[in-house]
Amino acid sequence: MFSIRTDLAVESWKLAGEQVEDKTEIEGVIVREYTEKGAGITVVDILDENGEHAIGKPVGKYVTLEFDPNHIPDEFPSMVESAANIIKELLEKQQAGDTTSVMVIGLGNWHITPDAVGPRTVENIMVTRHLVEKIPEYFGSYRPVSALAPGVLGITGMESLDIIRGVCSNVNPDIIIVVDALVSRSVSRLCSTIQFSDTGIIPGSGVGNSRAAINSETLHIPVIAAGIPTVVDAATLAYDIVEQSGGTPEPEALDKIRGNLHVAPKDVDKKIQDISKLLGYAVNMALHDFSVEEITSFLS
């Protein structure tokens, strides 16, 4: 049987719901949906092994923020605030106070645009750790924040996890926020959705190139993940097109291209630039409680 590829818990929940009459009957899963400042938010709580088996994701909280990417320039402050509020909730769940040190990690290959969400987000992070340590009279009230873009195995010859472990052994952050590109099953979600979770992330899992997991088990500190879907698996896209046209998808034919070809928006460069800035500002607002104007002033 052909399996649809997606990294998004909300899509996995909907796929699992197609197997039952009522998605609310999925054991071990609680879902709530609401709207905030014009953005749609879906919270998927996977409570136990039953929910984990049904959804195919680890136990934890997954919060999906959906918005129109074309509205980012006009509604940037409100979108940043909506995303920041979600990050704040996840930080509070980890009991991260104002003095908790945070490392923001941007996974991905900065040479490949759809995979550059992590490094591009890091470029918009207010890095303060060195200022807090070296100039406490001016920055002593700031939260210590460091940032890292470890690259990919093909460029560095090292697993991202190994690099992160080495840096963490010296920097000793209290909590990590990791950012990566994801795979969606729907073209409409590309660069218009951010998934936040408290379960960490497995780099490359969506494109069939899974690397070592970056989570609380491997790093021994809390890890909050933020992922943006930038591509759709071509086989999944073909499956949906055939099914929606009333045809019957042929699993054997789709399996030949599954995982080997991915589709991104034609204006992916602009979209990645906008959404990476949005996410970077949201992380800053959540960590420092600054306004958009104050963040811009700090980064300029």
Protein backbone atom coordinates (compact mmCIF):
# COMPACT_ATOMS: atom_id res chain seq x y z
CA MET A 1 0.00 0.00 0.00
CA PHE A 2 1.30 3.45 -0.94
CA SER A 3 2.07 5.62 2.09
CA ILE A 4 1.68 9.38 1.93
CA ARG A 5 4.75 11.28 3.13
CA THR A 6 4.34 14.15 5.58
CA ASP A 7 6.19 15.60 8.57
CA LEU A 8 3.13 17.46 9.89
CA ALA A 9 1.22 15.99 12.83
CA VAL A 10 -1.98 17.75 11.75
CA GLU A 11 -1.83 16.04 8.36
CA SER A 12 -1.03 12.67 9.93
CA TRP A 13 -4.03 13.17 12.23
CA LYS A 14 -6.29 13.86 9.25
CA LEU A 15 -4.92 10.82 7.40
CA ALA A 16 -5.54 8.65 10.45
CA GLY A 17 -9.04 10.12 10.71
CA GLU A 18 -9.85 8.84 7.23
CA GLN A 19 -9.71 5.34 8.67
CA VAL A 20 -12.47 6.04 11.22
CA GLU A 21 -15.86 7.73 11.03
CA ASP A 22 -14.96 10.41 13.57
CA LYS A 23 -11.40 11.76 13.97
CA THR A 24 -12.22 12.54 17.61
CA GLU A 25 -12.37 8.80 18.21
CA ILE A 26 -8.64 8.32 17.67
CA GLU A 27 -7.51 6.89 21.00
CA GLY A 28 -4.64 8.67 22.71
CA VAL A 29 -5.00 11.87 20.67
CA ILE A 30 -6.63 15.18 21.64
CA VAL A 31 -7.02 17.90 19.01
CA ARG A 32 -8.30 21.44 19.24
CA GLU A 33 -8.53 24.10 16.55
CA TYR A 34 -8.93 27.86 16.91
CA THR A 35 -8.11 31.17 15.24
CA GLU A 36 -5.87 33.92 16.60
CA LYS A 37 -5.21 37.24 14.86
CA GLY A 38 -6.47 35.78 11.59
CA ALA A 39 -4.17 32.75 11.71
CA GLY A 40 -5.45 29.18 12.07
CA ILE A 41 -3.97 27.15 14.92
CA THR A 42 -4.30 23.39 15.44
CA VAL A 43 -3.00 21.70 18.59
CA VAL A 44 -2.43 17.94 18.39
CA ASP A 45 -1.62 16.31 21.74
CA ILE A 46 -0.37 12.74 21.40
CA LEU A 47 -0.85 11.31 24.87
CA ASP A 48 0.34 7.70 24.79
CA GLU A 49 1.47 4.75 22.71
CA ASN A 50 -1.99 4.37 21.18
CA GLY A 51 -1.88 7.91 19.82
CA GLU A 52 1.74 7.48 18.79
CA HIS A 53 0.84 4.38 16.77
CA ALA A 54 -2.22 6.01 15.18
CA ILE A 55 -0.50 9.25 14.16
CA GLY A 56 3.00 7.94 13.58
CA LYS A 57 4.61 10.69 15.68
CA PRO A 58 6.26 10.57 19.13
CA VAL A 59 4.25 11.41 22.25
CA GLY A 60 4.14 15.16 22.75
CA LYS A 61 2.49 18.44 21.77
CA TYR A 62 2.36 19.63 18.15
CA VAL A 63 1.08 23.13 17.40
CA THR A 64 0.50 24.12 13.78
CA LEU A 65 0.19 27.76 12.77
CA GLU A 66 -1.32 28.43 9.32
CA PHE A 67 -1.41 31.76 7.51
CA ASP A 68 -1.39 33.33 4.04
CA PRO A 69 2.27 33.92 3.06
CA ASN A 70 1.18 36.73 0.74
CA HIS A 71 0.01 38.67 3.81
CA ILE A 72 3.34 38.50 5.67
CA PRO A 73 4.53 41.99 4.63
CA ASP A 74 1.24 43.64 5.68
CA GLU A 75 0.49 41.56 8.78
CA PHE A 76 4.05 40.83 9.90
CA PRO A 77 3.78 42.09 13.52
CA SER A 78 0.57 40.15 14.28
CA MET A 79 1.92 36.97 12.66
CA VAL A 80 5.14 37.25 14.65
CA GLU A 81 3.14 37.69 17.85
CA SER A 82 0.98 34.62 17.13
CA ALA A 83 4.06 32.46 16.55
CA ALA A 84 5.84 33.94 19.59
CA ASN A 85 2.89 33.09 21.85
CA ILE A 86 3.14 29.44 20.84
CA ILE A 87 6.88 29.36 21.54
CA LYS A 88 6.29 31.02 24.92
CA GLU A 89 3.79 28.32 25.88
CA LEU A 90 6.26 25.58 24.99
CA LEU A 91 9.01 27.37 26.95
CA GLU A 92 6.72 27.68 29.96
CA LYS A 93 5.95 23.96 29.72
CA GLN A 94 9.70 23.36 30.05
CA GLN A 95 9.78 25.79 33.01
CA ALA A 96 12.16 28.08 31.12
CA GLY A 97 12.46 31.34 33.05
CA ASP A 98 13.75 34.69 31.83
CA THR A 99 17.34 33.79 32.69
CA THR A 100 17.28 30.36 31.03
CA SER A 101 20.03 30.16 28.41
CA VAL A 102 18.87 29.12 24.95
CA MET A 103 20.67 27.88 21.86
CA VAL A 104 18.88 28.28 18.52
CA ILE A 105 19.99 25.72 15.93
CA GLY A 106 19.25 26.11 12.23
CA LEU A 107 19.44 22.77 10.45
CA GLY A 108 19.76 22.42 6.70
CA ASN A 109 21.86 23.23 3.66
CA TRP A 110 22.12 26.98 3.01
CA HIS A 111 23.11 26.24 -0.63
CA ILE A 112 19.72 24.63 -1.41
CA THR A 113 16.91 27.13 -1.00
CA PRO A 114 14.07 24.78 0.13
CA ASP A 115 16.45 23.35 2.75
CA ALA A 116 17.77 26.73 3.94
CA VAL A 117 15.00 27.58 6.42
CA GLY A 118 17.19 26.77 9.43
CA PRO A 119 20.28 28.80 8.48
CA ARG A 120 18.12 31.70 7.23
CA THR A 121 16.21 31.77 10.52
CA VAL A 122 19.46 31.85 12.50
CA GLU A 123 20.45 34.99 10.56
CA ASN A 124 17.47 36.73 12.20
CA ILE A 125 18.22 35.67 15.78
CA MET A 126 19.25 38.15 18.47
CA VAL A 127 22.48 36.54 19.69
CA THR A 128 23.18 37.86 23.20
CA ARG A 129 25.23 35.29 25.11
CA HIS A 130 28.55 37.04 24.49
CA LEU A 131 27.06 40.44 25.34
CA VAL A 132 25.61 39.19 28.62
CA GLU A 133 28.98 37.71 29.59
CA LYS A 134 31.28 40.49 28.35
CA ILE A 135 29.21 43.65 28.91
CA PRO A 136 26.86 42.81 31.81
CA GLU A 137 26.45 46.46 32.75
CA TYR A 138 24.51 46.99 29.51
CA PHE A 139 23.14 43.53 28.68
CA GLY A 140 22.94 41.79 32.05
CA SER A 141 19.13 41.82 31.93
CA TYR A 142 19.01 40.00 28.58
CA ARG A 143 18.47 36.27 28.23
CA PRO A 144 21.69 34.52 27.07
CA VAL A 145 21.03 33.30 23.53
CA SER A 146 23.51 31.60 21.21
CA ALA A 147 22.99 30.32 17.66
CA LEU A 148 24.42 27.62 15.45
CA ALA A 149 23.97 26.50 11.82
CA PRO A 150 25.86 23.16 11.73
CA GLY A 151 25.41 22.53 8.01
CA VAL A 152 24.84 19.06 6.59
CA LEU A 153 26.82 15.83 6.48
CA GLY A 154 27.71 16.24 2.82
CA ILE A 155 29.41 19.59 3.50
CA THR A 156 30.99 19.05 6.91
CA GLY A 157 31.52 15.28 6.98
CA MET A 158 29.98 15.30 10.44
CA GLU A 159 26.51 14.48 11.70
CA SER A 160 24.62 17.55 12.89
CA LEU A 161 24.04 15.81 16.24
CA ASP A 162 27.78 15.34 16.78
CA ILE A 163 28.46 19.01 16.09
CA ILE A 164 25.63 20.11 18.38
CA ARG A 165 26.80 17.81 21.17
CA GLY A 166 30.33 19.20 20.92
CA VAL A 167 29.14 22.80 21.08
CA CYS A 168 26.67 22.11 23.89
CA SER A 169 29.42 20.52 26.00
CA ASN A 170 31.16 23.91 26.04
CA VAL A 171 28.26 26.36 25.88
CA ASN A 172 25.92 24.40 28.20
CA PRO A 173 22.54 25.83 27.11
CA ASP A 174 19.52 25.06 29.30
CA ILE A 175 17.21 24.53 26.34
CA ILE A 176 17.48 24.21 22.56
CA ILE A 177 15.20 25.55 19.83
CA VAL A 178 15.88 23.68 16.57
CA VAL A 179 14.59 24.87 13.20
CA ASP A 180 14.36 22.75 10.06
CA ALA A 181 12.55 22.40 6.72
CA LEU A 182 9.74 19.84 6.56
CA VAL A 183 7.78 17.89 3.96
CA SER A 184 4.03 18.40 3.57
CA ARG A 185 1.47 16.28 1.73
CA SER A 186 -0.33 19.43 0.54
CA VAL A 187 0.94 22.13 -1.81
CA SER A 188 -1.27 24.68 -0.05
CA ARG A 189 0.78 24.34 3.16
CA LEU A 190 4.16 25.07 1.59
CA CYS A 191 5.82 28.09 3.24
CA SER A 192 2.46 28.94 4.84
CA THR A 193 2.65 26.69 7.90
CA ILE A 194 4.90 26.44 10.94
CA GLN A 195 4.80 23.35 13.15
CA PHE A 196 6.06 23.74 16.72
CA SER A 197 6.60 20.75 19.00
CA ASP A 198 8.29 19.67 22.21
CA THR A 199 9.50 16.36 20.73
CA GLY A 200 12.61 17.48 18.87
CA ILE A 201 13.27 16.61 15.24
CA ILE A 202 14.86 13.99 12.96
CA PRO A 203 16.74 15.84 10.19
CA GLY A 204 15.98 14.59 6.68
CA SER A 205 13.20 12.22 7.74
CA GLY A 206 10.67 13.79 5.39
CA VAL A 207 12.82 13.24 2.30
CA GLY A 208 13.85 9.71 3.23
CA ASN A 209 17.34 10.70 4.41
CA SER A 210 16.92 10.40 8.17
CA ARG A 211 19.87 11.45 10.32
CA ALA A 212 20.37 11.12 14.06
CA ALA A 213 17.49 12.53 16.11
CA ILE A 214 17.93 15.86 17.85
CA ASN A 215 15.75 15.63 20.96
CA SER A 216 15.83 15.47 24.74
CA GLU A 217 16.95 11.83 24.69
CA THR A 218 20.04 12.46 22.57
CA LEU A 219 21.00 15.84 24.08
CA HIS A 220 19.71 15.40 27.65
CA ILE A 221 18.15 18.87 27.72
CA PRO A 222 14.71 20.04 26.54
CA VAL A 223 14.37 20.57 22.78
CA ILE A 224 11.67 22.65 21.10
CA ALA A 225 11.34 22.14 17.35
CA ALA A 226 10.02 24.57 14.75
CA GLY A 227 9.56 23.28 11.22
CA ILE A 228 8.37 24.86 7.99
CA PRO A 229 7.15 22.66 5.10
CA THR A 230 8.92 23.75 1.91
CA VAL A 231 8.45 20.77 -0.42
CA VAL A 232 5.92 18.07 -1.34
CA ASP A 233 6.97 14.56 -2.30
CA ALA A 234 6.18 14.22 -6.04
CA ALA A 235 4.67 10.77 -5.57
CA THR A 236 2.29 12.11 -2.92
CA LEU A 237 1.35 15.02 -5.20
CA ALA A 238 0.68 12.63 -8.09
CA TYR A 239 -1.40 10.41 -5.80
CA ASP A 240 -3.61 13.33 -4.78
CA ILE A 241 -4.05 14.57 -8.35
CA VAL A 242 -5.09 11.14 -9.64
CA GLU A 243 -7.43 10.55 -6.70
CA GLN A 244 -9.06 13.99 -6.98
CA SER A 245 -9.65 13.46 -10.72
CA GLY A 246 -11.60 10.29 -9.97
CA GLY A 247 -8.86 7.87 -10.99
CA THR A 248 -7.22 5.04 -9.10
CA PRO A 249 -3.58 5.67 -8.13
CA GLU A 250 -1.18 2.83 -8.94
CA PRO A 251 1.09 2.26 -5.92
CA GLU A 252 3.75 0.44 -7.97
CA ALA A 253 4.18 3.37 -10.35
CA LEU A 254 4.24 5.92 -7.53
CA ASP A 255 6.79 3.95 -5.53
CA LYS A 256 9.28 4.38 -8.39
CA ILE A 257 9.46 8.14 -7.80
CA ARG A 258 8.63 8.17 -4.08
CA GLY A 259 11.34 10.04 -2.17
CA ASN A 260 13.40 10.74 -5.31
CA LEU A 261 11.66 13.89 -6.48
CA HIS A 262 10.29 16.83 -4.51
CA VAL A 263 8.30 19.86 -5.61
CA ALA A 264 8.73 23.41 -4.25
CA PRO A 265 6.89 26.67 -5.06
CA LYS A 266 8.29 28.60 -8.04
CA ASP A 267 8.85 31.66 -5.81
CA VAL A 268 10.44 29.61 -3.05
CA ASP A 269 13.36 32.09 -2.71
CA LYS A 270 11.08 34.94 -1.66
CA LYS A 271 8.87 32.73 0.49
CA ILE A 272 11.82 31.25 2.40
CA GLN A 273 13.22 34.73 2.98
CA ASP A 274 9.91 36.01 4.38
CA ILE A 275 8.97 33.05 6.55
CA SER A 276 12.50 32.62 7.95
CA LYS A 277 12.44 36.25 9.04
CA LEU A 278 8.99 35.76 10.56
CA LEU A 279 10.15 32.72 12.54
CA GLY A 280 13.39 34.38 13.63
CA TYR A 281 11.51 37.42 14.91
CA ALA A 282 9.00 35.16 16.67
CA VAL A 283 11.80 33.36 18.51
CA ASN A 284 13.29 36.72 19.51
CA MET A 285 9.95 38.02 20.75
CA ALA A 286 9.36 34.85 22.76
CA LEU A 287 12.83 34.91 24.32
CA HIS A 288 13.22 38.64 24.98
CA ASP A 289 9.68 40.01 24.93
CA PHE A 290 10.76 42.72 22.47
CA SER A 291 8.53 44.41 19.90
CA VAL A 292 9.12 43.98 16.16
CA GLU A 293 10.60 47.49 16.02
CA GLU A 294 12.99 46.77 18.90
CA ILE A 295 14.12 43.50 17.30
CA THR A 296 14.76 45.27 13.98
CA SER A 297 16.79 47.94 15.78
CA PHE A 298 18.91 45.31 17.57
CA LEU A 299 19.60 43.35 14.36
CA SER A 300 20.39 46.38 12.20
